[in-house]
Amino acid sequence: MMIQQGISLQEYNTFGIDAQCNTALFIESKDDVHNHRHALSKAIILGGGSNILLTKSQYDIVAINQISHIEICKENREDVIVSIGSGKNWHETVLWAIDHHLGGIENLSLIPGTVGAGPIQNIGAYGCELKDVLVGLDFYDFDLQAWRYMSVSDCHLGYRDSIFKHELKNKGFIGTVYLRLTKEGYHQVNTQYSALQSYLSEKNIDIPNIEEVSNAVIAVRQSKLPNWKELGNAGSFFKNPVIHCHQLQHLQEDYPKIPSYPIDTQTAKVPAAWLIQECGFKGVKRGAVGCYKYQPLVIVNHGGGSGEDVINLKNEIQIAVYDRFQIQLQPEVTIL
């Protein structure tokens, strides 16, 4: 394990916020986690820094997760279980799976961040979520001072939610993640989203394989979302709100074109991007930060923006959306 003193965290968060930290611990193995458990229990743990917003100018201890092994640990005729280090880049993991003809995560292509962030956020895109393929994970419990296995049911995964955002928040460290992926001949590709269907239709692909689905997802994401290396951002800043069907019916009276997606007989999901755009925030700039010109759900750092700048814009958006629609937007990004 490497330890550095007094470094900038700008290259370790996709928003590009230039916060400082007194001590940075670079975690390379599960042994590092156990041997430095006391420091880790007080640290902010970063993977790819892709779903966080740093709001302070100075942090004491920060751990950079670099546990990055990947291997098939079990298999049968139809599928395999893959063991993946939590510091492994997520998109590299998707490409590895496709290269090994393993399916199940192709719809999650190009999601920034690390594998360990996946269960915390229950990452999802284009009709798929991590819970669909997660078997379990190894969790280092700071109170027990030991590793313990947690099954997918133990993780309490919900919409962009998990036990790691609640009861186990800051209580431990995810070391290894286990995914069940399908073998060739047993893939179930998902192209239900119209954007994917349009892309595949343009390419004259009627029955796509997993690589073609991945390529479609990458193309669609690149057309809508900025590259964080060129324009700082943390992806979708807000969750898509879930509201009661009665409230949706009232809104439809005033806004007949409001898009919605039923969840069950009582609730429906409304796209946060539509709400934000209707309030006039698409492409808006507030100093060094703003809403992306092609996707208002993404708050961007044009350069030199601070965490406080982002928070101010976040608050402005939340107030405007609530005043107009009586819907309270909740951040998807973790605010530190």
Protein backbone atom coordinates (compact mmCIF):
# COMPACT_ATOMS: atom_id res chain seq x y z
CA MET A 1 0.00 0.00 0.00
CA MET A 2 1.19 3.51 -0.81
CA ILE A 3 0.62 6.52 1.44
CA GLN A 4 0.90 10.13 0.25
CA GLN A 5 0.66 13.31 2.27
CA GLY A 6 -0.92 16.60 1.23
CA ILE A 7 -2.32 15.88 -2.22
CA SER A 8 -5.05 17.36 -4.40
CA LEU A 9 -8.14 15.22 -5.01
CA GLN A 10 -8.92 16.91 -8.31
CA GLU A 11 -7.92 13.89 -10.42
CA TYR A 12 -9.78 11.52 -8.09
CA ASN A 13 -13.28 12.94 -8.57
CA THR A 14 -15.06 13.28 -11.90
CA PHE A 15 -16.49 16.69 -10.99
CA GLY A 16 -12.89 17.94 -11.00
CA ILE A 17 -13.24 19.70 -7.64
CA ASP A 18 -9.83 20.80 -6.40
CA ALA A 19 -10.14 19.74 -2.76
CA GLN A 20 -7.08 18.85 -0.70
CA CYS A 21 -6.45 15.90 1.62
CA ASN A 22 -3.91 15.53 4.39
CA THR A 23 -3.31 11.78 3.96
CA ALA A 24 -4.17 9.55 0.99
CA LEU A 25 -4.13 5.78 1.42
CA PHE A 26 -3.91 3.76 -1.80
CA ILE A 27 -5.56 0.42 -1.00
CA GLU A 28 -4.30 -2.41 -3.22
CA SER A 29 -5.48 -5.58 -1.45
CA LYS A 30 -7.89 -6.95 1.14
CA ASP A 31 -4.90 -7.34 3.48
CA ASP A 32 -4.37 -3.58 3.22
CA VAL A 33 -7.95 -3.09 4.38
CA HIS A 34 -7.45 -5.22 7.50
CA ASN A 35 -4.00 -3.86 8.33
CA HIS A 36 -5.14 -0.23 8.07
CA ARG A 37 -8.69 -0.72 9.37
CA HIS A 38 -8.43 1.96 12.04
CA ALA A 39 -7.41 4.66 9.56
CA LEU A 40 -9.97 3.43 7.03
CA SER A 41 -12.79 3.67 9.56
CA LYS A 42 -12.12 7.42 9.70
CA ALA A 43 -11.46 7.89 6.00
CA ILE A 44 -13.51 8.95 3.02
CA ILE A 45 -13.33 6.00 0.62
CA LEU A 46 -13.08 6.82 -3.08
CA GLY A 47 -13.22 4.47 -6.04
CA GLY A 48 -13.49 6.27 -9.35
CA GLY A 49 -14.91 9.36 -7.66
CA SER A 50 -17.75 9.30 -10.16
CA ASN A 51 -20.83 9.60 -7.99
CA ILE A 52 -19.65 12.06 -5.36
CA LEU A 53 -19.49 15.77 -4.79
CA LEU A 54 -16.69 17.14 -2.62
CA THR A 55 -17.98 20.18 -0.76
CA LYS A 56 -15.05 20.89 1.60
CA SER A 57 -11.74 22.49 0.73
CA GLN A 58 -9.79 20.09 2.99
CA TYR A 59 -10.24 16.44 4.00
CA ASP A 60 -8.18 14.57 6.59
CA ILE A 61 -7.87 10.95 5.41
CA VAL A 62 -8.96 9.67 2.01
CA ALA A 63 -8.64 6.06 0.81
CA ILE A 64 -8.25 5.43 -2.92
CA ASN A 65 -9.51 1.93 -3.76
CA GLN A 66 -7.20 0.13 -6.22
CA ILE A 67 -8.18 -3.52 -5.60
CA SER A 68 -8.58 -4.64 -9.20
CA HIS A 69 -8.44 -8.43 -9.70
CA ILE A 70 -10.98 -10.17 -11.95
CA GLU A 71 -11.45 -13.92 -12.47
CA ILE A 72 -14.03 -16.64 -13.01
CA CYS A 73 -14.38 -18.49 -9.72
CA LYS A 74 -17.28 -20.85 -10.52
CA GLU A 75 -19.16 -21.98 -13.61
CA ASN A 76 -21.74 -24.36 -15.01
CA ARG A 77 -23.22 -24.96 -18.44
CA GLU A 78 -25.29 -21.76 -18.51
CA ASP A 79 -23.40 -19.17 -16.51
CA VAL A 80 -20.36 -18.23 -14.45
CA ILE A 81 -19.67 -16.39 -11.23
CA VAL A 82 -16.99 -13.75 -11.58
CA SER A 83 -14.94 -12.43 -8.65
CA ILE A 84 -14.00 -8.77 -9.14
CA GLY A 85 -11.92 -6.42 -7.01
CA SER A 86 -13.96 -3.44 -5.87
CA GLY A 87 -11.44 -0.96 -7.24
CA LYS A 88 -11.69 -2.34 -10.78
CA ASN A 89 -12.99 0.17 -13.32
CA TRP A 90 -16.61 -0.69 -14.09
CA HIS A 91 -16.56 -0.12 -17.85
CA GLU A 92 -13.35 -2.13 -18.18
CA THR A 93 -15.20 -4.94 -16.39
CA VAL A 94 -18.04 -4.76 -18.93
CA LEU A 95 -15.55 -4.91 -21.81
CA TRP A 96 -13.78 -7.86 -20.15
CA ALA A 97 -17.09 -9.72 -19.88
CA ILE A 98 -17.96 -9.09 -23.54
CA ASP A 99 -14.46 -10.16 -24.61
CA HIS A 100 -15.07 -13.43 -22.71
CA HIS A 101 -18.54 -13.80 -24.30
CA LEU A 102 -20.26 -13.28 -20.94
CA GLY A 103 -23.56 -11.43 -20.80
CA GLY A 104 -25.71 -9.59 -18.30
CA ILE A 105 -23.98 -6.24 -17.88
CA GLU A 106 -23.73 -4.97 -21.46
CA ASN A 107 -26.57 -2.47 -20.85
CA LEU A 108 -24.44 -0.95 -18.08
CA SER A 109 -21.63 -0.02 -20.48
CA LEU A 110 -19.80 3.27 -20.01
CA ILE A 111 -21.11 3.88 -16.49
CA PRO A 112 -18.20 5.65 -14.79
CA GLY A 113 -16.68 4.54 -11.51
CA THR A 114 -15.55 1.30 -9.94
CA VAL A 115 -17.11 -2.09 -9.33
CA GLY A 116 -17.34 -1.45 -5.59
CA ALA A 117 -19.60 1.54 -6.14
CA GLY A 118 -22.04 -0.66 -8.06
CA PRO A 119 -23.77 -2.28 -5.07
CA ILE A 120 -23.78 0.96 -3.07
CA GLN A 121 -25.65 2.75 -5.83
CA ASN A 122 -27.33 -0.29 -7.39
CA ILE A 123 -26.19 1.14 -10.70
CA GLY A 124 -28.63 0.82 -13.55
CA ALA A 125 -29.26 1.91 -17.12
CA TYR A 126 -31.43 1.01 -20.12
CA GLY A 127 -33.63 -1.51 -18.34
CA CYS A 128 -30.96 -3.28 -16.28
CA GLU A 129 -29.70 -2.90 -12.70
CA LEU A 130 -26.79 -4.43 -10.83
CA LYS A 131 -29.21 -6.37 -8.61
CA ASP A 132 -30.10 -8.45 -11.70
CA VAL A 133 -26.62 -10.03 -11.74
CA LEU A 134 -25.20 -9.48 -8.24
CA VAL A 135 -24.62 -12.67 -6.26
CA GLY A 136 -22.98 -11.09 -3.22
CA LEU A 137 -19.88 -9.36 -1.94
CA ASP A 138 -17.14 -9.44 0.69
CA PHE A 139 -17.61 -6.65 3.24
CA TYR A 140 -15.02 -5.67 5.84
CA ASP A 141 -16.96 -4.74 8.97
CA PHE A 142 -15.11 -2.07 10.95
CA ASP A 143 -16.91 -3.02 14.18
CA LEU A 144 -16.19 -6.74 13.83
CA GLN A 145 -12.74 -6.03 12.39
CA ALA A 146 -13.24 -8.93 10.00
CA TRP A 147 -14.47 -9.78 6.51
CA ARG A 148 -17.99 -11.17 6.09
CA TYR A 149 -19.90 -12.32 3.05
CA MET A 150 -23.13 -10.53 2.17
CA SER A 151 -25.61 -12.02 -0.30
CA VAL A 152 -27.54 -9.83 -2.73
CA SER A 153 -30.56 -10.00 -0.42
CA ASP A 154 -28.41 -8.79 2.48
CA CYS A 155 -27.56 -5.67 0.46
CA HIS A 156 -31.20 -4.43 0.38
CA LEU A 157 -30.86 -3.04 -3.13
CA GLY A 158 -33.47 -0.58 -4.33
CA TYR A 159 -33.69 2.19 -6.91
CA ARG A 160 -30.22 3.78 -6.66
CA ASP A 161 -30.21 2.61 -3.06
CA SER A 162 -28.76 -0.04 -0.75
CA ILE A 163 -27.98 -0.87 2.86
CA PHE A 164 -24.61 0.82 2.33
CA LYS A 165 -26.37 4.19 2.17
CA HIS A 166 -28.19 3.55 5.43
CA GLU A 167 -27.40 1.04 8.21
CA LEU A 168 -23.91 0.27 6.88
CA LYS A 169 -22.98 3.76 5.73
CA ASN A 170 -19.34 4.37 6.70
CA LYS A 171 -19.38 1.06 8.61
CA GLY A 172 -17.07 -0.93 6.39
CA PHE A 173 -15.31 -1.54 3.08
CA ILE A 174 -16.46 -3.55 0.05
CA GLY A 175 -13.52 -5.68 -1.13
CA THR A 176 -14.76 -8.18 -3.70
CA VAL A 177 -17.97 -8.26 -5.74
CA TYR A 178 -19.41 -11.47 -7.21
CA LEU A 179 -21.52 -11.32 -10.40
CA ARG A 180 -23.41 -14.09 -12.18
CA LEU A 181 -22.97 -13.70 -15.97
CA THR A 182 -24.47 -15.82 -18.73
CA LYS A 183 -22.52 -17.88 -21.22
CA GLU A 184 -22.93 -17.66 -24.97
CA GLY A 185 -26.17 -19.30 -26.01
CA TYR A 186 -27.92 -18.28 -22.79
CA HIS A 187 -27.83 -14.49 -23.09
CA GLN A 188 -31.08 -12.53 -22.72
CA VAL A 189 -30.42 -9.21 -24.41
CA ASN A 190 -32.52 -6.22 -23.39
CA THR A 191 -33.23 -3.56 -26.02
CA GLN A 192 -36.58 -2.30 -24.73
CA TYR A 193 -35.48 1.35 -24.65
CA SER A 194 -36.43 3.24 -27.79
CA ALA A 195 -33.03 4.92 -28.05
CA LEU A 196 -31.33 1.53 -28.30
CA GLN A 197 -33.91 0.27 -30.77
CA SER A 198 -33.39 3.33 -32.96
CA TYR A 199 -29.62 2.92 -32.97
CA LEU A 200 -29.81 -0.78 -33.81
CA SER A 201 -32.39 -0.12 -36.53
CA GLU A 202 -30.10 2.47 -38.14
CA LYS A 203 -27.34 -0.16 -38.17
CA ASN A 204 -29.75 -2.74 -39.66
CA ILE A 205 -29.26 -5.03 -36.65
CA ASP A 206 -32.39 -7.09 -36.04
CA ILE A 207 -31.08 -9.62 -33.51
CA PRO A 208 -28.21 -7.96 -31.62
CA ASN A 209 -25.56 -9.82 -29.69
CA ILE A 210 -24.18 -8.53 -26.39
CA GLU A 211 -21.36 -6.60 -28.06
CA GLU A 212 -23.81 -4.85 -30.37
CA VAL A 213 -26.04 -3.94 -27.43
CA SER A 214 -23.00 -2.55 -25.61
CA ASN A 215 -22.02 -0.50 -28.67
CA ALA A 216 -25.57 0.88 -28.86
CA VAL A 217 -25.52 1.85 -25.19
CA ILE A 218 -22.13 3.53 -25.57
CA ALA A 219 -23.28 5.51 -28.61
CA VAL A 220 -26.49 6.67 -26.93
CA ARG A 221 -24.72 7.63 -23.70
CA GLN A 222 -22.03 9.55 -25.58
CA SER A 223 -24.70 11.47 -27.49
CA LYS A 224 -26.41 12.58 -24.27
CA LEU A 225 -23.78 12.74 -21.55
CA PRO A 226 -20.53 14.72 -21.40
CA ASN A 227 -17.15 13.05 -21.01
CA TRP A 228 -16.10 13.91 -17.45
CA LYS A 229 -12.47 14.14 -18.59
CA GLU A 230 -13.48 17.08 -20.80
CA LEU A 231 -16.31 18.57 -18.73
CA GLY A 232 -16.46 17.75 -15.03
CA ASN A 233 -19.65 16.00 -13.91
CA ALA A 234 -20.96 13.09 -11.88
CA GLY A 235 -23.53 11.85 -14.36
CA SER A 236 -27.20 12.16 -13.43
CA PHE A 237 -27.30 14.43 -10.41
CA PHE A 238 -30.87 13.67 -9.32
CA LYS A 239 -32.92 10.50 -9.02
CA ASN A 240 -36.03 10.15 -11.15
CA PRO A 241 -38.80 10.86 -8.62
CA VAL A 242 -41.45 8.26 -7.85
CA ILE A 243 -44.87 9.79 -7.18
CA HIS A 244 -48.36 8.53 -6.39
CA CYS A 245 -50.65 7.99 -9.35
CA HIS A 246 -53.16 10.46 -7.91
CA GLN A 247 -50.53 13.20 -7.98
CA LEU A 248 -49.61 12.22 -11.54
CA GLN A 249 -53.24 12.51 -12.63
CA HIS A 250 -53.45 16.04 -11.22
CA LEU A 251 -50.23 16.99 -12.99
CA GLN A 252 -51.50 15.57 -16.27
CA GLU A 253 -54.42 17.99 -16.14
CA ASP A 254 -52.00 20.94 -16.32
CA TYR A 255 -49.19 19.17 -18.20
CA PRO A 256 -50.76 16.59 -20.54
CA LYS A 257 -47.36 15.83 -22.13
CA ILE A 258 -45.62 14.96 -18.84
CA PRO A 259 -43.81 11.63 -19.40
CA SER A 260 -44.22 8.86 -16.83
CA TYR A 261 -43.48 5.17 -16.38
CA PRO A 262 -45.72 3.01 -14.16
CA ILE A 263 -44.02 1.13 -11.34
CA ASP A 264 -47.10 -0.54 -9.88
CA THR A 265 -50.79 0.22 -9.47
CA GLN A 266 -50.07 3.00 -7.00
CA THR A 267 -46.91 4.74 -8.18
CA ALA A 268 -45.15 5.98 -11.30
CA LYS A 269 -41.72 7.34 -12.15
CA VAL A 270 -41.37 10.81 -13.71
CA PRO A 271 -38.12 11.75 -15.53
CA ALA A 272 -36.24 14.34 -13.49
CA ALA A 273 -34.69 15.67 -16.71
CA TRP A 274 -38.13 16.65 -18.04
CA LEU A 275 -39.04 18.46 -14.82
CA ILE A 276 -35.73 20.34 -14.79
CA GLN A 277 -35.98 21.27 -18.47
CA GLU A 278 -39.55 22.53 -18.02
CA CYS A 279 -38.22 24.85 -15.32
CA GLY A 280 -35.77 26.35 -17.82
CA PHE A 281 -32.47 24.93 -16.60
CA LYS A 282 -31.29 23.16 -19.75
CA GLY A 283 -27.95 24.70 -20.71
CA VAL A 284 -28.11 27.30 -17.95
CA LYS A 285 -24.83 28.55 -16.45
CA ARG A 286 -24.22 29.86 -12.96
CA GLY A 287 -20.64 31.05 -12.99
CA ALA A 288 -18.32 28.06 -13.37
CA VAL A 289 -21.11 25.45 -13.12
CA GLY A 290 -24.33 24.76 -15.00
CA CYS A 291 -26.69 22.19 -16.51
CA TYR A 292 -25.43 20.32 -19.56
CA LYS A 293 -26.79 21.73 -22.80
CA TYR A 294 -27.95 18.32 -24.05
CA GLN A 295 -29.11 16.80 -20.73
CA PRO A 296 -30.31 19.09 -17.92
CA LEU A 297 -30.16 16.24 -15.40
CA VAL A 298 -26.36 16.53 -15.50
CA ILE A 299 -24.76 19.35 -13.54
CA VAL A 300 -21.36 20.22 -15.02
CA ASN A 301 -18.22 22.00 -13.89
CA HIS A 302 -16.97 24.21 -16.72
CA GLY A 303 -13.69 24.68 -14.84
CA GLY A 304 -12.78 26.12 -11.48
CA GLY A 305 -16.16 25.41 -9.91
CA SER A 306 -16.39 24.50 -6.24
CA GLY A 307 -18.61 22.09 -4.37
CA GLU A 308 -20.46 25.08 -2.95
CA ASP A 309 -21.19 26.31 -6.50
CA VAL A 310 -22.76 22.96 -7.35
CA ILE A 311 -24.78 22.90 -4.13
CA ASN A 312 -26.17 26.36 -4.86
CA LEU A 313 -27.33 25.27 -8.31
CA LYS A 314 -28.72 22.03 -6.88
CA ASN A 315 -30.78 24.01 -4.37
CA GLU A 316 -32.03 26.38 -7.04
CA ILE A 317 -33.20 23.47 -9.20
CA GLN A 318 -34.90 21.70 -6.30
CA ILE A 319 -36.81 24.83 -5.27
CA ALA A 320 -37.93 25.58 -8.83
CA VAL A 321 -39.15 22.04 -9.48
CA TYR A 322 -41.00 21.87 -6.17
CA ASP A 323 -42.63 25.26 -6.64
CA ARG A 324 -43.92 24.28 -10.07
CA PHE A 325 -44.72 20.57 -9.70
CA GLN A 326 -44.76 19.91 -5.92
CA ILE A 327 -42.15 17.21 -6.47
CA GLN A 328 -39.06 17.08 -4.28
CA LEU A 329 -36.00 16.01 -6.26
CA GLN A 330 -33.49 13.87 -4.37
CA PRO A 331 -29.78 13.83 -5.28
CA GLU A 332 -28.42 10.64 -6.76
CA VAL A 333 -24.89 11.91 -6.11
CA THR A 334 -23.35 11.38 -2.67
CA ILE A 335 -22.50 14.75 -1.12
CA LEU A 336 -19.40 14.71 1.08
